[in-house]
Amino acid sequence: MGGSNMKIKAKVINLLLNDGTLQGLINVTDSSWTLNGELLASPRETIEDLLTDEACNRYGVYLLLSSSRVYVGQSTNLRTRIEQHILGKEWWERAILLTTKDDSLNRSDIDYLESVLIQKALMYNTLDSENKNKGNKQKLDRFQREIMNQYLEGALFLLELIGITVFSEKKEPIFIPNLPDLNRDLREIRAKGEAVAFLKKSGLRLSKYVSYAKLQEKKGVFWINPSVEFVKEDWTIILNDQERKSIYILSVPADTFKTSAEGKLGKLVIRKDKPQYLDLNIDLNTYKDDRSNCSFAPYLVNKIKY
């Protein structure tokens, strides 16, 4: 029997349950989590116990949660910020801290993590109304951004593990039987307006700046020519695979990418014939732009069947 060449990467997860349940005070680490990440969580009624942990003196991102919404913030001293929210916000029922064991995150790192999490919560319409619109301006180079994306991937995995789904809610494929103003097969989505209407009716929140592309089946890429200005704004990208009747939604925070007229790696390419537009070819399987080698995979927030 032939063996598979695929190697499964094992994880060793340490989960300390203070009261023996996932609803109480907990501490979580993962052997494969980038930067030796650490997650701490507590219900509001035991928050004072959480604040005695030395991890609360570090740089990190915090989440305040109820059953249906989340507030995302960041701080150079998590204890001080959570103490402010004990008095300033009444609605939250649980707090989550995302940090590192050796306090290796810096201000630019936590700005980036906060911004991406805010965008994910906006997409699922779970962000608290008092939250900032998009976080602070991004200042990471592409190397550090990749490290932060790996850290975030580990954090989202552990959040799901302990039952937090405000950033990654799993939904069954949705069929909307009545897309507006269509006089043909309503299960076909061909144009941008139809896709936007479908997603809004599905309950997803889109940004003001939206790009749309259909799959070029023979090449396996989505070719997009958005305005250069889109990279400066919170940007929604809708990718429509008509063959598989699947839509992929990407939510890219403002100032995530830089641009280049010379086509340098790590910078989105500007069209030479029309310099007001970008020239993107996003791969169906990897979500990488083959012109710049920039990865859009960290910004994939939802997949929906139609």
Protein backbone atom coordinates (compact mmCIF):
# COMPACT_ATOMS: atom_id res chain seq x y z
CA MET A 1 0.00 0.00 0.00
CA GLY A 2 1.39 3.39 -0.99
CA GLY A 3 2.01 5.83 1.81
CA SER A 4 1.11 9.52 1.83
CA ASN A 5 3.85 12.16 1.69
CA MET A 6 1.77 14.51 3.79
CA LYS A 7 3.07 15.11 7.27
CA ILE A 8 0.64 15.93 10.04
CA LYS A 9 1.99 18.59 12.38
CA ALA A 10 1.18 17.59 15.93
CA LYS A 11 0.12 20.10 18.54
CA VAL A 12 0.65 19.91 22.28
CA ILE A 13 -1.90 22.17 23.97
CA ASN A 14 -1.63 22.98 27.66
CA LEU A 15 -5.03 23.89 29.09
CA LEU A 16 -5.28 24.91 32.74
CA LEU A 17 -8.89 25.06 33.98
CA ASN A 18 -8.98 26.83 37.33
CA ASP A 19 -12.40 25.47 38.28
CA GLY A 20 -12.38 22.42 36.01
CA THR A 21 -14.58 23.98 33.27
CA LEU A 22 -14.08 26.04 30.10
CA GLN A 23 -16.36 28.72 31.53
CA GLY A 24 -14.06 29.62 34.43
CA LEU A 25 -10.59 31.12 34.69
CA ILE A 26 -8.33 29.40 32.13
CA ASN A 27 -4.81 29.60 30.72
CA VAL A 28 -3.95 28.11 27.31
CA THR A 29 -0.63 27.60 25.51
CA ASP A 30 0.20 25.71 22.32
CA SER A 31 3.59 24.19 21.48
CA SER A 32 3.31 25.31 17.85
CA TRP A 33 1.97 28.83 18.52
CA THR A 34 4.26 31.46 17.01
CA LEU A 35 6.16 33.70 19.48
CA ASN A 36 5.25 31.46 22.44
CA GLY A 37 1.78 32.89 22.56
CA GLU A 38 -0.39 32.68 25.65
CA LEU A 39 -4.17 33.00 26.04
CA LEU A 40 -5.91 33.80 29.31
CA ALA A 41 -9.67 33.95 29.82
CA SER A 42 -11.98 34.73 32.70
CA PRO A 43 -15.66 35.39 33.35
CA ARG A 44 -16.35 38.84 34.74
CA GLU A 45 -17.07 37.55 38.24
CA THR A 46 -13.48 36.21 38.62
CA ILE A 47 -11.70 38.95 36.68
CA GLU A 48 -9.78 40.08 39.78
CA ASP A 49 -8.15 36.64 39.93
CA LEU A 50 -7.09 36.97 36.28
CA LEU A 51 -5.57 40.39 36.92
CA THR A 52 -3.16 38.94 39.48
CA ASP A 53 -1.44 36.92 36.74
CA GLU A 54 1.91 38.38 35.65
CA ALA A 55 0.81 38.07 32.00
CA CYS A 56 -1.44 41.08 32.58
CA ASN A 57 1.65 43.33 32.77
CA ARG A 58 2.57 42.58 29.14
CA TYR A 59 1.79 43.95 25.70
CA GLY A 60 -1.21 42.24 24.11
CA VAL A 61 -4.70 42.28 22.67
CA TYR A 62 -7.83 41.82 24.76
CA LEU A 63 -11.43 40.87 23.99
CA LEU A 64 -14.51 41.73 26.02
CA LEU A 65 -17.37 39.37 25.19
CA SER A 66 -21.05 38.81 25.72
CA SER A 67 -23.06 36.03 24.13
CA SER A 68 -23.40 37.97 20.86
CA ARG A 69 -20.80 40.72 20.63
CA VAL A 70 -17.15 41.53 21.19
CA TYR A 71 -15.05 44.59 21.97
CA VAL A 72 -11.47 44.39 20.65
CA GLY A 73 -8.66 46.42 22.18
CA GLN A 74 -4.90 46.44 22.71
CA SER A 75 -2.61 47.75 25.40
CA THR A 76 1.00 47.92 26.54
CA ASN A 77 -0.32 46.98 29.99
CA LEU A 78 -3.32 44.68 29.86
CA ARG A 79 -4.10 44.91 33.59
CA THR A 80 -4.55 48.68 33.50
CA ARG A 81 -6.81 48.57 30.46
CA ILE A 82 -9.06 45.78 31.79
CA GLU A 83 -9.42 47.59 35.12
CA GLN A 84 -10.68 50.64 33.21
CA HIS A 85 -13.27 48.53 31.42
CA ILE A 86 -14.55 47.00 34.66
CA LEU A 87 -15.85 50.45 35.55
CA GLY A 88 -16.48 51.80 32.06
CA LYS A 89 -18.45 48.98 30.39
CA GLU A 90 -21.28 47.05 31.99
CA TRP A 91 -22.37 44.70 29.20
CA TRP A 92 -19.44 42.29 28.89
CA GLU A 93 -19.46 38.88 30.57
CA ARG A 94 -16.02 37.48 29.74
CA ALA A 95 -12.51 38.77 29.03
CA ILE A 96 -9.82 37.15 26.86
CA LEU A 97 -6.15 38.19 26.81
CA LEU A 98 -3.80 37.35 23.90
CA THR A 99 -0.13 37.92 24.70
CA THR A 100 3.26 36.11 24.72
CA LYS A 101 5.16 34.41 27.51
CA ASP A 102 8.26 36.58 27.03
CA ASP A 103 6.44 39.87 26.30
CA SER A 104 7.87 39.91 22.77
CA LEU A 105 5.02 41.83 21.12
CA ASN A 106 5.59 45.53 20.42
CA ARG A 107 3.21 48.44 19.80
CA SER A 108 3.10 47.94 16.03
CA ASP A 109 2.38 44.23 16.52
CA ILE A 110 -0.62 44.79 18.78
CA ASP A 111 -1.93 47.58 16.53
CA TYR A 112 -1.92 45.10 13.65
CA LEU A 113 -3.53 42.26 15.60
CA GLU A 114 -6.24 44.57 16.91
CA SER A 115 -7.00 45.90 13.42
CA VAL A 116 -7.37 42.46 11.82
CA LEU A 117 -9.61 41.19 14.63
CA ILE A 118 -11.80 44.29 14.37
CA GLN A 119 -12.24 43.67 10.65
CA LYS A 120 -13.18 40.04 11.25
CA ALA A 121 -15.76 41.04 13.87
CA LEU A 122 -17.17 43.69 11.53
CA MET A 123 -17.62 41.09 8.81
CA TYR A 124 -19.69 38.90 11.14
CA ASN A 125 -21.51 41.91 12.59
CA THR A 126 -20.41 40.98 16.12
CA LEU A 127 -18.32 44.08 16.89
CA ASP A 128 -19.54 46.21 19.80
CA SER A 129 -20.88 49.59 18.71
CA GLU A 130 -18.45 51.42 21.01
CA ASN A 131 -15.43 49.88 19.29
CA LYS A 132 -13.11 51.85 17.03
CA ASN A 133 -13.87 51.56 13.33
CA LYS A 134 -10.61 50.00 12.21
CA GLY A 135 -7.85 50.32 14.80
CA ASN A 136 -4.59 52.22 14.44
CA LYS A 137 -2.65 52.68 11.21
CA GLN A 138 -0.47 49.70 10.25
CA LYS A 139 3.33 50.06 10.44
CA LEU A 140 4.60 46.51 9.89
CA ASP A 141 6.86 45.43 7.05
CA ARG A 142 5.82 42.32 5.12
CA PHE A 143 8.11 40.02 7.13
CA GLN A 144 6.73 41.04 10.52
CA ARG A 145 3.20 41.01 9.11
CA GLU A 146 3.67 37.35 8.16
CA ILE A 147 4.85 36.56 11.70
CA MET A 148 1.78 38.33 13.11
CA ASN A 149 -0.49 36.43 10.72
CA GLN A 150 0.97 33.17 12.01
CA TYR A 151 0.42 34.32 15.59
CA LEU A 152 -3.16 35.27 14.74
CA GLU A 153 -3.81 31.90 13.11
CA GLY A 154 -2.79 30.18 16.34
CA ALA A 155 -4.90 32.55 18.42
CA LEU A 156 -8.03 31.97 16.32
CA PHE A 157 -7.55 28.21 16.57
CA LEU A 158 -7.40 28.36 20.37
CA LEU A 159 -10.36 30.75 20.57
CA GLU A 160 -12.45 28.24 18.66
CA LEU A 161 -11.15 25.48 20.92
CA ILE A 162 -12.57 27.23 23.99
CA GLY A 163 -15.83 28.10 22.24
CA ILE A 164 -15.24 31.68 21.05
CA THR A 165 -16.73 32.02 17.54
CA VAL A 166 -17.23 35.78 17.07
CA PHE A 167 -14.38 35.83 14.51
CA SER A 168 -14.93 32.48 12.85
CA GLU A 169 -18.56 31.52 13.12
CA LYS A 170 -19.24 28.40 11.10
CA LYS A 171 -22.28 28.64 8.87
CA GLU A 172 -24.06 26.12 6.71
CA PRO A 173 -24.13 26.91 2.98
CA ILE A 174 -26.80 29.53 2.41
CA PHE A 175 -29.33 29.57 -0.43
CA ILE A 176 -31.18 32.84 -0.88
CA PRO A 177 -34.15 32.12 -3.16
CA ASN A 178 -34.93 35.71 -4.13
CA LEU A 179 -32.02 37.89 -5.14
CA PRO A 180 -33.40 41.33 -6.03
CA ASP A 181 -34.23 42.32 -9.60
CA LEU A 182 -33.10 39.11 -11.29
CA ASN A 183 -35.18 37.80 -14.19
CA ARG A 184 -33.37 34.53 -14.67
CA ASP A 185 -32.06 31.55 -12.68
CA LEU A 186 -31.78 33.02 -9.21
CA ARG A 187 -29.11 30.53 -8.17
CA GLU A 188 -26.62 32.01 -10.66
CA ILE A 189 -24.40 34.87 -9.53
CA ARG A 190 -22.51 36.48 -12.37
CA ALA A 191 -22.14 40.20 -11.65
CA LYS A 192 -20.76 42.24 -8.75
CA GLY A 193 -24.14 43.73 -7.86
CA GLU A 194 -25.70 40.28 -7.59
CA ALA A 195 -22.89 39.02 -5.35
CA VAL A 196 -23.13 42.07 -3.06
CA ALA A 197 -26.91 41.70 -2.78
CA PHE A 198 -26.55 37.99 -2.02
CA LEU A 199 -23.97 38.57 0.74
CA LYS A 200 -25.90 41.41 2.37
CA LYS A 201 -29.04 39.30 2.35
CA SER A 202 -26.98 36.50 3.90
CA GLY A 203 -26.27 38.81 6.83
CA LEU A 204 -22.67 39.76 6.07
CA ARG A 205 -21.44 43.30 6.49
CA LEU A 206 -19.26 44.66 3.67
CA SER A 207 -16.98 47.68 3.69
CA LYS A 208 -17.55 50.74 1.50
CA TYR A 209 -14.72 49.67 -0.83
CA VAL A 210 -15.54 46.39 -2.59
CA SER A 211 -13.70 44.52 -5.36
CA TYR A 212 -15.22 41.59 -7.24
CA ALA A 213 -13.83 38.93 -9.57
CA LYS A 214 -14.95 35.69 -11.19
CA LEU A 215 -12.58 32.74 -11.43
CA GLN A 216 -10.61 32.31 -14.66
CA GLU A 217 -11.09 28.55 -14.71
CA LYS A 218 -8.22 27.68 -17.09
CA LYS A 219 -5.70 29.68 -15.09
CA GLY A 220 -7.10 29.04 -11.62
CA VAL A 221 -6.84 32.71 -10.64
CA PHE A 222 -9.10 35.65 -9.91
CA TRP A 223 -8.02 38.67 -11.96
CA ILE A 224 -8.86 41.97 -10.26
CA ASN A 225 -8.12 45.60 -11.20
CA PRO A 226 -9.22 47.65 -8.17
CA SER A 227 -8.42 51.31 -7.70
CA VAL A 228 -5.01 51.99 -6.14
CA GLU A 229 -6.83 53.98 -3.46
CA PHE A 230 -8.49 50.82 -2.09
CA VAL A 231 -5.32 49.78 -0.24
CA LYS A 232 -5.66 52.88 1.96
CA GLU A 233 -9.14 51.87 3.10
CA ASP A 234 -10.85 48.91 4.74
CA TRP A 235 -11.31 46.73 1.67
CA THR A 236 -13.67 43.82 0.95
CA ILE A 237 -12.72 41.44 -1.87
CA ILE A 238 -15.38 39.07 -3.23
CA LEU A 239 -14.10 36.09 -5.23
CA ASN A 240 -16.72 34.09 -7.13
CA ASP A 241 -15.96 30.52 -8.22
CA GLN A 242 -18.94 29.93 -10.50
CA GLU A 243 -17.91 26.37 -11.33
CA ARG A 244 -18.18 25.31 -7.69
CA LYS A 245 -20.84 27.90 -6.82
CA SER A 246 -18.73 29.26 -4.00
CA ILE A 247 -18.00 32.80 -2.89
CA TYR A 248 -14.89 33.67 -0.87
CA ILE A 249 -14.91 36.90 1.14
CA LEU A 250 -11.68 38.64 2.09
CA SER A 251 -11.59 41.56 4.53
CA VAL A 252 -8.36 43.57 4.25
CA PRO A 253 -7.68 46.30 6.86
CA ALA A 254 -6.62 49.74 5.63
CA ASP A 255 -2.91 50.22 4.86
CA THR A 256 -2.17 46.48 4.98
CA PHE A 257 -0.39 46.49 1.60
CA LYS A 258 1.98 48.83 -0.23
CA THR A 259 2.07 49.36 -4.00
CA SER A 260 4.78 49.50 -6.65
CA ALA A 261 4.82 50.55 -10.30
CA GLU A 262 7.92 48.35 -10.79
CA GLY A 263 6.28 45.12 -9.65
CA LYS A 264 8.55 44.54 -6.67
CA LEU A 265 7.91 41.46 -4.55
CA GLY A 266 5.92 42.25 -1.45
CA LYS A 267 4.15 45.21 -3.07
CA LEU A 268 0.94 45.05 -5.06
CA VAL A 269 1.57 45.81 -8.74
CA ILE A 270 0.21 48.95 -10.38
CA ARG A 271 -0.89 48.62 -14.03
CA LYS A 272 1.51 50.39 -16.39
CA ASP A 273 -1.18 51.24 -18.94
CA LYS A 274 -3.64 52.47 -16.31
CA PRO A 275 -1.68 53.58 -13.21
CA GLN A 276 -4.86 54.36 -11.27
CA TYR A 277 -5.52 50.61 -11.00
CA LEU A 278 -3.84 47.59 -9.41
CA ASP A 279 -3.16 44.38 -11.32
CA LEU A 280 -3.92 41.34 -9.15
CA ASN A 281 -4.04 37.63 -9.94
CA ILE A 282 -5.15 35.84 -6.77
CA ASP A 283 -4.64 32.07 -6.83
CA LEU A 284 -7.73 29.94 -6.10
CA ASN A 285 -5.89 27.55 -3.76
CA THR A 286 -3.29 29.70 -1.98
CA TYR A 287 -4.90 33.17 -2.12
CA LYS A 288 -1.52 34.56 -3.15
CA ASP A 289 -1.20 37.27 -5.77
CA ASP A 290 1.19 35.83 -8.35
CA ARG A 291 2.34 39.30 -9.47
CA SER A 292 3.62 40.44 -6.09
CA ASN A 293 3.72 37.18 -4.07
CA CYS A 294 1.60 38.93 -1.41
CA SER A 295 -0.68 36.56 0.48
CA PHE A 296 -4.35 37.42 0.98
CA ALA A 297 -4.98 34.15 2.88
CA PRO A 298 -4.96 35.75 6.38
CA TYR A 299 -7.86 37.98 5.35
CA LEU A 300 -10.21 35.20 4.26
CA VAL A 301 -13.17 35.55 6.62
CA ASN A 302 -15.92 33.50 5.03
CA LYS A 303 -16.82 30.94 2.36
CA ILE A 304 -20.42 30.63 1.22
CA LYS A 305 -22.13 28.24 -1.17
CA TYR A 306 -24.96 29.46 -3.40
